[in-house]
């Protein structure tokens, strides 16, 4: 038994979702996998969205910690080291908020560590692309269009960079856009048209398949991605599957936890 890890709390920090089936298949599944990988540690989750925490408590009786509550809980359990492992895609506003919320507690533990977001490196992006390509087999002249959230923070460039890396790795049929930033849906439509594709599979580039995936991507409103691609002449299929449902991506979160803790874990390789 690793006695050091027995004094360690691993807090998985997410924005959260009220879509219960997706929550169980993604955030809860990641938490279970991290707990299996580090059985001596205390593993829990914290959601930064107060609205979602309140909704889960009122609707389902499910109590989810805020970041501050999770840190207080870890302190009460006698943990000496705390790792806050984000499930966020990038170093963005949510990541900064997590660090700001944890900052007052940094002197209350021997160590407060911060893990990397999901797509922190070129190698991480390669794993994510490989998992999505493997999980979404495509027909001839069919493209996989990934819908990210997007952010006003400068790190939004990650989405365009991921699209570029997809092409460099030979995934000429994978395109990346965002709901709230650049590249927008209309930008992606132009690129898919230029590639002479006839049909598309729309899938979220988000941990969970929540409101954005079900409504902004796959909904029937005039401004949904499904409607916009259909109007542009494409045959559209939607795959409402959050990233946390892919085994290789859950394994990547485990790898990030191991890296932050300085513990050896097997590298993640997802064959194309």
Protein backbone atom coordinates (compact mmCIF):
# COMPACT_ATOMS: atom_id res chain seq x y z
CA UNK A 1 0.00 0.00 0.00
CA UNK A 2 1.22 3.49 -0.87
CA UNK A 3 0.96 5.24 2.48
CA UNK A 4 1.64 8.63 0.93
CA UNK A 5 -1.37 8.28 -1.36
CA UNK A 6 -3.49 7.29 1.63
CA UNK A 7 -3.04 10.87 2.82
CA UNK A 8 -3.86 12.30 -0.62
CA UNK A 9 -7.15 13.71 -1.89
CA UNK A 10 -7.81 13.82 -5.63
CA UNK A 11 -10.55 16.31 -6.45
CA UNK A 12 -11.89 16.11 -10.00
CA UNK A 13 -13.08 19.60 -10.88
CA UNK A 14 -15.77 19.99 -13.55
CA UNK A 15 -18.24 22.65 -14.55
CA UNK A 16 -20.91 19.95 -14.06
CA UNK A 17 -24.06 18.88 -15.88
CA UNK A 18 -27.68 18.23 -14.94
CA UNK A 19 -28.08 15.64 -17.72
CA UNK A 20 -27.98 12.65 -15.40
CA UNK A 21 -27.35 9.88 -17.93
CA UNK A 22 -24.41 11.79 -19.42
CA UNK A 23 -23.15 12.75 -15.94
CA UNK A 24 -23.02 9.09 -14.96
CA UNK A 25 -21.40 8.05 -18.26
CA UNK A 26 -18.74 10.76 -18.15
CA UNK A 27 -17.89 12.62 -14.93
CA UNK A 28 -18.85 9.75 -12.62
CA UNK A 29 -17.14 7.22 -14.92
CA UNK A 30 -13.91 9.24 -14.85
CA UNK A 31 -14.09 9.48 -11.06
CA UNK A 32 -14.53 5.70 -10.75
CA UNK A 33 -11.60 5.04 -13.07
CA UNK A 34 -9.34 7.41 -11.14
CA UNK A 35 -10.37 5.72 -7.88
CA UNK A 36 -9.56 2.30 -9.37
CA UNK A 37 -6.14 3.55 -10.49
CA UNK A 38 -5.34 5.09 -7.08
CA UNK A 39 -7.24 2.97 -4.53
CA UNK A 40 -5.29 4.34 -1.56
CA UNK A 41 -6.25 7.95 -2.31
CA UNK A 42 -9.48 9.70 -1.45
CA UNK A 43 -11.19 10.62 -4.74
CA UNK A 44 -14.13 13.00 -5.05
CA UNK A 45 -15.65 15.52 -7.45
CA UNK A 46 -16.39 19.24 -7.30
CA UNK A 47 -18.54 21.26 -9.70
CA UNK A 48 -17.91 24.94 -10.22
CA UNK A 49 -21.49 25.65 -11.37
CA UNK A 50 -23.63 26.62 -8.38
CA UNK A 51 -26.76 26.37 -10.53
CA UNK A 52 -26.03 22.76 -11.47
CA UNK A 53 -25.13 21.76 -7.90
CA UNK A 54 -28.39 23.27 -6.63
CA UNK A 55 -30.42 21.61 -9.37
CA UNK A 56 -28.96 18.16 -8.68
CA UNK A 57 -29.61 18.55 -4.97
CA UNK A 58 -33.20 19.75 -5.40
CA UNK A 59 -34.18 17.39 -8.22
CA UNK A 60 -32.28 14.22 -7.31
CA UNK A 61 -31.10 14.71 -3.74
CA UNK A 62 -27.52 14.44 -5.06
CA UNK A 63 -25.02 16.50 -3.08
CA UNK A 64 -21.99 17.63 -5.08
CA UNK A 65 -19.19 19.66 -3.50
CA UNK A 66 -18.10 23.10 -4.58
CA UNK A 67 -14.32 23.44 -4.81
CA UNK A 68 -14.21 25.05 -1.35
CA UNK A 69 -16.44 22.32 0.14
CA UNK A 70 -14.28 19.59 -1.39
CA UNK A 71 -11.15 21.14 0.10
CA UNK A 72 -12.80 21.49 3.52
CA UNK A 73 -13.85 17.84 3.26
CA UNK A 74 -10.31 16.75 2.39
CA UNK A 75 -8.97 18.74 5.35
CA UNK A 76 -11.52 17.15 7.69
CA UNK A 77 -10.42 13.70 6.48
CA UNK A 78 -6.83 14.47 7.43
CA UNK A 79 -5.41 14.63 3.91
CA UNK A 80 -1.97 16.21 3.67
CA UNK A 81 -1.76 16.48 -0.14
CA UNK A 82 -4.54 17.64 -2.42
CA UNK A 83 -4.58 17.37 -6.20
CA UNK A 84 -7.16 19.39 -8.06
CA UNK A 85 -7.49 17.62 -11.40
CA UNK A 86 -9.56 19.59 -13.92
CA UNK A 87 -11.73 17.80 -16.45
CA UNK A 88 -11.70 21.00 -18.55
CA UNK A 89 -10.44 20.93 -22.14
CA UNK A 90 -7.81 23.67 -21.82
CA UNK A 91 -6.03 26.26 -19.72
CA UNK A 92 -8.91 28.74 -19.84
CA UNK A 93 -11.25 30.74 -17.65
CA UNK A 94 -12.62 27.64 -15.87
CA UNK A 95 -9.10 26.44 -15.09
CA UNK A 96 -8.16 29.86 -13.71
CA UNK A 97 -11.34 29.93 -11.62
CA UNK A 98 -10.44 26.54 -10.13
CA UNK A 99 -7.01 27.85 -9.06
CA UNK A 100 -8.51 31.05 -7.66
CA UNK A 101 -11.02 29.08 -5.59
CA UNK A 102 -8.28 26.80 -4.24
CA UNK A 103 -5.73 29.55 -3.53
CA UNK A 104 -6.98 30.34 0.03
CA UNK A 105 -6.39 26.69 0.99
CA UNK A 106 -2.83 26.35 -0.30
CA UNK A 107 -1.33 26.98 3.15
CA UNK A 108 -3.76 24.62 4.87
CA UNK A 109 -2.22 21.49 3.33
CA UNK A 110 1.35 20.30 2.96
CA UNK A 111 0.87 20.28 -0.82
CA UNK A 112 -1.81 21.59 -3.18
CA UNK A 113 -1.22 20.36 -6.71
CA UNK A 114 -2.94 21.24 -9.99
CA UNK A 115 -3.28 18.72 -12.81
CA UNK A 116 -3.23 19.52 -16.51
CA UNK A 117 -6.46 19.97 -18.48
CA UNK A 118 -7.40 17.28 -20.98
CA UNK A 119 -5.80 18.79 -24.09
CA UNK A 120 -2.69 20.32 -22.55
CA UNK A 121 -0.14 19.00 -25.05
CA UNK A 122 0.20 17.90 -28.66
CA UNK A 123 0.35 14.31 -27.42
CA UNK A 124 -2.91 14.75 -25.48
CA UNK A 125 -4.64 16.11 -28.59
CA UNK A 126 -3.37 13.10 -30.55
CA UNK A 127 -4.97 10.71 -28.03
CA UNK A 128 -8.27 12.62 -28.17
CA UNK A 129 -8.32 12.64 -31.98
CA UNK A 130 -7.47 8.95 -32.10
CA UNK A 131 -10.24 8.05 -29.66
CA UNK A 132 -12.82 10.08 -31.58
CA UNK A 133 -11.75 8.71 -34.95
CA UNK A 134 -11.87 5.14 -33.64
CA UNK A 135 -15.24 5.71 -31.96
CA UNK A 136 -16.82 7.32 -35.02
CA UNK A 137 -16.11 5.18 -38.10
CA UNK A 138 -16.99 7.17 -41.21
CA UNK A 139 -18.28 6.31 -44.65
CA UNK A 140 -16.73 7.62 -47.84
CA UNK A 141 -17.33 11.37 -48.32
CA UNK A 142 -18.45 11.65 -44.68
CA UNK A 143 -16.84 14.06 -42.21
CA UNK A 144 -16.69 14.07 -38.42
CA UNK A 145 -17.48 17.56 -37.10
CA UNK A 146 -16.54 18.16 -33.48
CA UNK A 147 -18.36 20.89 -31.57
CA UNK A 148 -16.36 22.49 -28.77
CA UNK A 149 -17.64 25.10 -26.34
CA UNK A 150 -15.33 27.99 -27.16
CA UNK A 151 -14.10 30.74 -24.86
CA UNK A 152 -13.35 34.46 -24.95
CA UNK A 153 -9.99 33.63 -23.34
CA UNK A 154 -6.90 33.62 -25.56
CA UNK A 155 -6.59 29.84 -25.26
CA UNK A 156 -9.53 29.50 -27.67
CA UNK A 157 -6.88 29.04 -30.37
CA UNK A 158 -6.72 25.40 -29.20
CA UNK A 159 -9.79 24.52 -31.28
CA UNK A 160 -8.30 25.73 -34.56
CA UNK A 161 -4.98 24.13 -33.58
CA UNK A 162 -6.76 20.82 -32.98
CA UNK A 163 -8.34 21.02 -36.43
CA UNK A 164 -4.90 21.71 -37.92
CA UNK A 165 -3.31 18.82 -36.01
CA UNK A 166 -6.08 16.50 -37.22
CA UNK A 167 -5.07 17.22 -40.81
CA UNK A 168 -1.37 16.75 -40.02
CA UNK A 169 -2.14 13.34 -38.51
CA UNK A 170 -4.04 12.26 -41.61
CA UNK A 171 -7.56 12.87 -40.38
CA UNK A 172 -8.62 14.93 -43.40
CA UNK A 173 -12.25 14.11 -42.52
CA UNK A 174 -12.21 15.64 -39.01
CA UNK A 175 -13.20 19.27 -38.46
CA UNK A 176 -13.41 21.30 -35.24
CA UNK A 177 -15.62 24.27 -34.40
CA UNK A 178 -17.13 26.00 -31.36
CA UNK A 179 -20.55 27.09 -30.14
CA UNK A 180 -19.48 30.42 -28.69
CA UNK A 181 -16.24 31.45 -30.40
CA UNK A 182 -14.03 30.74 -33.44
CA UNK A 183 -14.22 28.64 -35.57
CA UNK A 184 -18.02 29.05 -35.69
CA UNK A 185 -20.46 26.66 -37.34
CA UNK A 186 -20.52 28.67 -40.58
CA UNK A 187 -16.71 28.55 -40.73
CA UNK A 188 -16.72 24.77 -40.39
CA UNK A 189 -19.44 24.42 -43.04
CA UNK A 190 -17.21 26.29 -45.53
CA UNK A 191 -14.30 23.96 -44.83
CA UNK A 192 -16.41 20.79 -45.05
CA UNK A 193 -17.87 21.99 -48.36
CA UNK A 194 -14.39 22.72 -49.68
CA UNK A 195 -13.46 19.13 -48.83
CA UNK A 196 -16.27 17.83 -51.08
CA UNK A 197 -17.92 15.87 -48.27
CA UNK A 198 -21.57 14.89 -48.71
CA UNK A 199 -22.55 13.94 -45.15
CA UNK A 200 -21.42 14.71 -41.61
CA UNK A 201 -21.45 13.18 -38.15
CA UNK A 202 -21.79 15.85 -35.47
CA UNK A 203 -20.26 15.01 -32.08
CA UNK A 204 -19.35 17.11 -29.01
CA UNK A 205 -15.77 17.97 -28.13
CA UNK A 206 -16.80 18.27 -24.49
CA UNK A 207 -16.51 16.01 -21.47
CA UNK A 208 -20.28 15.65 -21.14
CA UNK A 209 -23.10 15.57 -23.68
CA UNK A 210 -25.31 18.14 -21.96
CA UNK A 211 -27.29 21.17 -23.05
CA UNK A 212 -24.90 22.25 -25.81
CA UNK A 213 -24.75 18.78 -27.35
CA UNK A 214 -28.47 18.08 -27.13
CA UNK A 215 -29.72 21.52 -28.15
CA UNK A 216 -27.04 23.68 -29.82
CA UNK A 217 -25.65 20.71 -31.75
CA UNK A 218 -28.47 18.20 -32.22
CA UNK A 219 -31.58 20.31 -31.63
CA UNK A 220 -34.21 21.29 -34.19
CA UNK A 221 -33.98 25.08 -33.79
CA UNK A 222 -32.95 27.17 -36.80
CA UNK A 223 -29.55 27.96 -35.29
CA UNK A 224 -28.61 24.43 -34.23
CA UNK A 225 -25.64 22.84 -35.98
CA UNK A 226 -27.84 20.02 -37.25
CA UNK A 227 -30.20 22.49 -38.90
CA UNK A 228 -27.40 24.64 -40.31
CA UNK A 229 -25.58 21.67 -41.86
CA UNK A 230 -28.84 20.27 -43.22
CA UNK A 231 -29.69 23.62 -44.86
CA UNK A 232 -26.18 23.65 -46.35
CA UNK A 233 -27.02 20.42 -48.18
CA UNK A 234 -25.40 17.80 -45.98
CA UNK A 235 -26.91 14.57 -44.72
CA UNK A 236 -26.54 14.87 -40.94
CA UNK A 237 -26.08 12.25 -38.21
CA UNK A 238 -25.62 13.22 -34.57
CA UNK A 239 -23.60 11.28 -32.01
CA UNK A 240 -24.53 12.66 -28.59
CA UNK A 241 -21.59 11.16 -26.75
CA UNK A 242 -19.42 13.07 -24.30
CA UNK A 243 -15.64 12.61 -24.28
CA UNK A 244 -15.82 10.89 -20.90
CA UNK A 245 -17.54 7.94 -22.57
CA UNK A 246 -14.40 7.03 -24.54
CA UNK A 247 -12.09 4.61 -22.64
CA UNK A 248 -8.89 6.14 -24.03
CA UNK A 249 -9.95 9.60 -22.87
CA UNK A 250 -10.77 8.38 -19.36
CA UNK A 251 -7.33 6.75 -19.35
CA UNK A 252 -5.81 10.08 -20.35
CA UNK A 253 -7.35 11.73 -17.28
CA UNK A 254 -5.80 8.96 -15.15
CA UNK A 255 -2.45 9.64 -16.80
CA UNK A 256 -2.73 13.35 -15.98
CA UNK A 257 -3.45 12.52 -12.34
CA UNK A 258 -0.41 10.23 -12.25
CA UNK A 259 1.78 12.91 -13.80
CA UNK A 260 0.67 15.53 -11.26
CA UNK A 261 1.28 13.14 -8.35
CA UNK A 262 4.63 11.99 -9.73
CA UNK A 263 3.43 8.39 -9.88
CA UNK A 264 4.35 6.08 -12.73
CA UNK A 265 1.42 5.03 -14.89
CA UNK A 266 1.32 3.32 -18.26
CA UNK A 267 1.30 5.73 -21.21
CA UNK A 268 -1.93 6.07 -23.14
CA UNK A 269 -1.84 4.87 -26.73
CA UNK A 270 -4.99 4.79 -28.81
CA UNK A 271 -4.25 3.17 -32.19
CA UNK A 272 -5.75 4.89 -35.18
